[in-house]
Amino acid sequence: MNKKIYIFCYILIIFFIGLILYLPKNHTTVLHRIDKPFEITEIIKQVSIDDKTLMTLYLNQNGMLNAVVTKQNVFFTKIQKISGHHELVEPFDLKQGDTRVSLHITWYNEGTDYIIYGIIKDNAVSTVEYMNYTLSEFRYNNSRVVYGFGKGIHQKEYKLYDTNGVELSHWKE
């Protein structure tokens, strides 16, 4: 009887060691395990939300902008939320009724935290604000990409401003 218990314990220990070795230990490892249609072809920006949480903006195999939030704990790193797809476009002359920005807001951590990201399509837009926070901006291949993160109660509304601080409508007039 004791021999069976030793064999069972030995197999159990081997299983847990294997599991620990298999689980992703860092953000990079977990990112490379993302499957289609969210598969990563190029990481274009990584932003630390806190000391254990990372937001990654990246391109998928179709060249679309996506985002993923990963969180590291004591034993492994896991995906909190993955979202997408935005087409990367250069700002252009919009027609009347066209939207000035294309934004995606996604909630994670049981709806208490959010990330927001997207593309500014209109050169008249200087800044984008969500929940009283001005989104950060960077350029990628002439596209104006904006992003931000925070906590709070879900709001759908965002505000757009021109260079003089005048609020713009969401659609081209």
Protein backbone atom coordinates (compact mmCIF):
# COMPACT_ATOMS: atom_id res chain seq x y z
CA MET A 1 0.00 0.00 0.00
CA ASN A 2 2.79 2.45 0.86
CA LYS A 3 4.43 1.87 -2.53
CA LYS A 4 1.22 2.96 -4.32
CA ILE A 5 1.05 6.14 -2.21
CA TYR A 6 4.71 6.96 -3.03
CA ILE A 7 4.12 6.41 -6.74
CA PHE A 8 0.98 8.56 -6.65
CA CYS A 9 2.81 11.36 -4.77
CA TYR A 10 5.74 11.15 -7.17
CA ILE A 11 3.42 11.47 -10.20
CA LEU A 12 1.58 14.35 -8.54
CA ILE A 13 4.85 16.20 -7.86
CA ILE A 14 6.00 15.66 -11.46
CA PHE A 15 2.63 16.96 -12.71
CA PHE A 16 2.86 20.16 -10.63
CA ILE A 17 6.47 20.79 -11.65
CA GLY A 18 5.45 20.38 -15.29
CA LEU A 19 2.50 22.71 -14.81
CA ILE A 20 4.69 25.36 -13.19
CA LEU A 21 7.23 25.10 -16.02
CA TYR A 22 4.48 25.35 -18.66
CA LEU A 23 2.67 28.41 -17.28
CA PRO A 24 3.91 31.69 -18.77
CA LYS A 25 6.16 33.55 -16.35
CA ASN A 26 6.29 36.94 -18.06
CA HIS A 27 4.28 39.23 -20.34
CA THR A 28 6.29 38.36 -23.47
CA THR A 29 5.67 34.63 -23.13
CA VAL A 30 1.92 35.01 -22.72
CA LEU A 31 1.73 37.45 -25.65
CA HIS A 32 3.31 34.94 -28.01
CA ARG A 33 0.63 32.37 -27.11
CA ILE A 34 -2.26 34.48 -28.45
CA ASP A 35 -4.15 32.71 -31.24
CA LYS A 36 -5.82 34.00 -34.40
CA PRO A 37 -7.56 36.34 -35.09
CA PHE A 38 -5.70 38.21 -32.34
CA GLU A 39 -2.27 36.75 -33.10
CA ILE A 40 0.55 39.28 -32.68
CA THR A 41 2.70 40.16 -35.66
CA GLU A 42 4.20 43.40 -34.32
CA ILE A 43 4.13 45.08 -30.92
CA ILE A 44 3.92 48.84 -31.41
CA LYS A 45 3.57 50.10 -27.82
CA GLN A 46 3.68 48.69 -24.30
CA VAL A 47 2.51 50.73 -21.33
CA SER A 48 2.77 49.74 -17.69
CA ILE A 49 -0.59 50.23 -15.97
CA ASP A 50 0.88 49.27 -12.60
CA ASP A 51 3.84 47.21 -11.40
CA LYS A 52 2.18 43.92 -12.47
CA THR A 53 -0.20 44.96 -15.27
CA LEU A 54 0.80 45.78 -18.85
CA MET A 55 -1.20 47.14 -21.79
CA THR A 56 0.19 46.13 -25.17
CA LEU A 57 -0.91 47.74 -28.43
CA TYR A 58 -0.04 45.57 -31.39
CA LEU A 59 -0.84 44.64 -34.97
CA ASN A 60 -2.47 41.33 -35.84
CA GLN A 61 -1.81 39.30 -39.00
CA ASN A 62 -4.20 41.58 -40.96
CA GLY A 63 -2.39 44.77 -39.90
CA MET A 64 -5.23 45.80 -37.58
CA LEU A 65 -4.62 47.55 -34.25
CA ASN A 66 -5.45 45.41 -31.19
CA ALA A 67 -4.84 45.67 -27.46
CA VAL A 68 -4.23 43.16 -24.71
CA VAL A 69 -3.95 43.59 -20.95
CA THR A 70 -1.74 41.08 -19.14
CA LYS A 71 -1.21 40.71 -15.41
CA GLN A 72 1.61 38.96 -13.61
CA ASN A 73 1.12 37.25 -10.27
CA VAL A 74 3.46 35.18 -8.11
CA PHE A 75 3.34 32.05 -10.28
CA PHE A 76 2.45 33.10 -13.83
CA THR A 77 1.22 35.82 -16.19
CA LYS A 78 -2.25 35.72 -17.69
CA ILE A 79 -4.35 37.67 -20.15
CA GLN A 80 -6.89 39.93 -18.44
CA LYS A 81 -8.53 41.21 -21.63
CA ILE A 82 -7.90 41.17 -25.34
CA SER A 83 -9.68 43.40 -27.83
CA GLY A 84 -9.50 44.79 -31.34
CA HIS A 85 -9.59 45.49 -34.37
CA HIS A 86 -8.96 49.02 -35.65
CA GLU A 87 -7.71 49.76 -39.12
CA LEU A 88 -4.64 51.98 -39.07
CA VAL A 89 -5.37 55.00 -41.25
CA GLU A 90 -3.62 58.28 -41.82
CA PRO A 91 -5.66 61.37 -40.99
CA PHE A 92 -7.55 62.47 -44.09
CA ASP A 93 -10.15 64.98 -45.23
CA LEU A 94 -13.39 63.64 -43.84
CA LYS A 95 -16.75 63.96 -45.52
CA GLN A 96 -19.71 65.39 -43.66
CA GLY A 97 -21.04 62.78 -41.21
CA ASP A 98 -17.77 60.80 -40.95
CA THR A 99 -16.53 60.03 -37.44
CA ARG A 100 -13.45 61.96 -36.41
CA VAL A 101 -11.96 59.15 -34.30
CA SER A 102 -12.31 55.40 -34.03
CA LEU A 103 -12.08 54.35 -30.36
CA HIS A 104 -12.46 51.11 -28.47
CA ILE A 105 -13.16 51.05 -24.73
CA THR A 106 -12.89 47.71 -23.01
CA TRP A 107 -13.35 46.79 -19.36
CA TYR A 108 -11.52 44.13 -17.41
CA ASN A 109 -10.92 43.08 -13.80
CA GLU A 110 -14.65 42.50 -13.25
CA GLY A 111 -15.53 45.83 -14.84
CA THR A 112 -13.58 48.07 -12.48
CA ASP A 113 -10.69 48.91 -14.82
CA TYR A 114 -10.64 49.97 -18.47
CA ILE A 115 -8.38 50.59 -21.40
CA ILE A 116 -9.25 52.87 -24.28
CA TYR A 117 -7.40 53.08 -27.58
CA GLY A 118 -7.97 53.99 -31.19
CA ILE A 119 -7.14 56.12 -34.19
CA ILE A 120 -7.62 59.84 -34.83
CA LYS A 121 -8.88 60.17 -38.40
CA ASP A 122 -9.28 63.97 -38.55
CA ASN A 123 -6.38 66.44 -38.36
CA ALA A 124 -8.72 68.99 -36.75
CA VAL A 125 -8.68 66.84 -33.59
CA SER A 126 -5.88 67.87 -31.26
CA THR A 127 -6.78 65.88 -28.14
CA VAL A 128 -9.18 63.16 -27.06
CA GLU A 129 -10.51 63.09 -23.50
CA TYR A 130 -12.22 60.22 -21.71
CA MET A 131 -13.45 60.39 -18.11
CA ASN A 132 -11.63 63.73 -17.64
CA TYR A 133 -8.33 62.19 -18.76
CA THR A 134 -6.48 63.30 -21.89
CA LEU A 135 -5.45 60.25 -23.88
CA SER A 136 -1.79 59.83 -24.78
CA GLU A 137 -0.91 59.92 -28.46
CA PHE A 138 1.86 58.56 -30.65
CA ARG A 139 2.39 58.18 -34.36
CA TYR A 140 2.78 54.86 -36.07
CA ASN A 141 3.35 54.88 -39.85
CA ASN A 142 1.58 58.27 -40.11
CA SER A 143 -1.42 57.04 -38.11
CA ARG A 144 -2.30 58.94 -34.95
CA VAL A 145 -2.84 56.33 -32.24
CA VAL A 146 -4.33 57.30 -28.86
CA TYR A 147 -4.60 55.27 -25.68
CA GLY A 148 -5.33 55.49 -21.99
CA PHE A 149 -6.40 53.43 -18.99
CA GLY A 150 -8.02 53.91 -15.63
CA LYS A 151 -10.70 52.95 -13.15
CA GLY A 152 -14.25 54.08 -12.85
CA ILE A 153 -17.86 53.60 -13.85
CA HIS A 154 -18.39 52.91 -17.54
CA GLN A 155 -19.08 55.96 -19.68
CA LYS A 156 -19.62 55.90 -23.41
CA GLU A 157 -18.95 59.57 -23.98
CA TYR A 158 -15.59 60.97 -24.91
CA LYS A 159 -14.69 64.52 -25.88
CA LEU A 160 -12.67 65.85 -28.80
CA TYR A 161 -10.86 69.19 -28.84
CA ASP A 162 -9.09 71.24 -31.49
CA THR A 163 -5.77 73.05 -30.98
CA ASN A 164 -7.59 76.06 -29.45
CA GLY A 165 -9.34 73.88 -26.86
CA VAL A 166 -12.72 74.17 -28.57
CA GLU A 167 -14.82 71.02 -28.22
CA LEU A 168 -15.57 69.30 -31.52
CA SER A 169 -18.51 67.10 -32.42
CA HIS A 170 -17.82 63.40 -32.92
CA TRP A 171 -18.81 63.69 -36.58
CA LYS A 172 -17.54 66.01 -39.27
CA GLU A 173 -20.05 68.83 -39.85
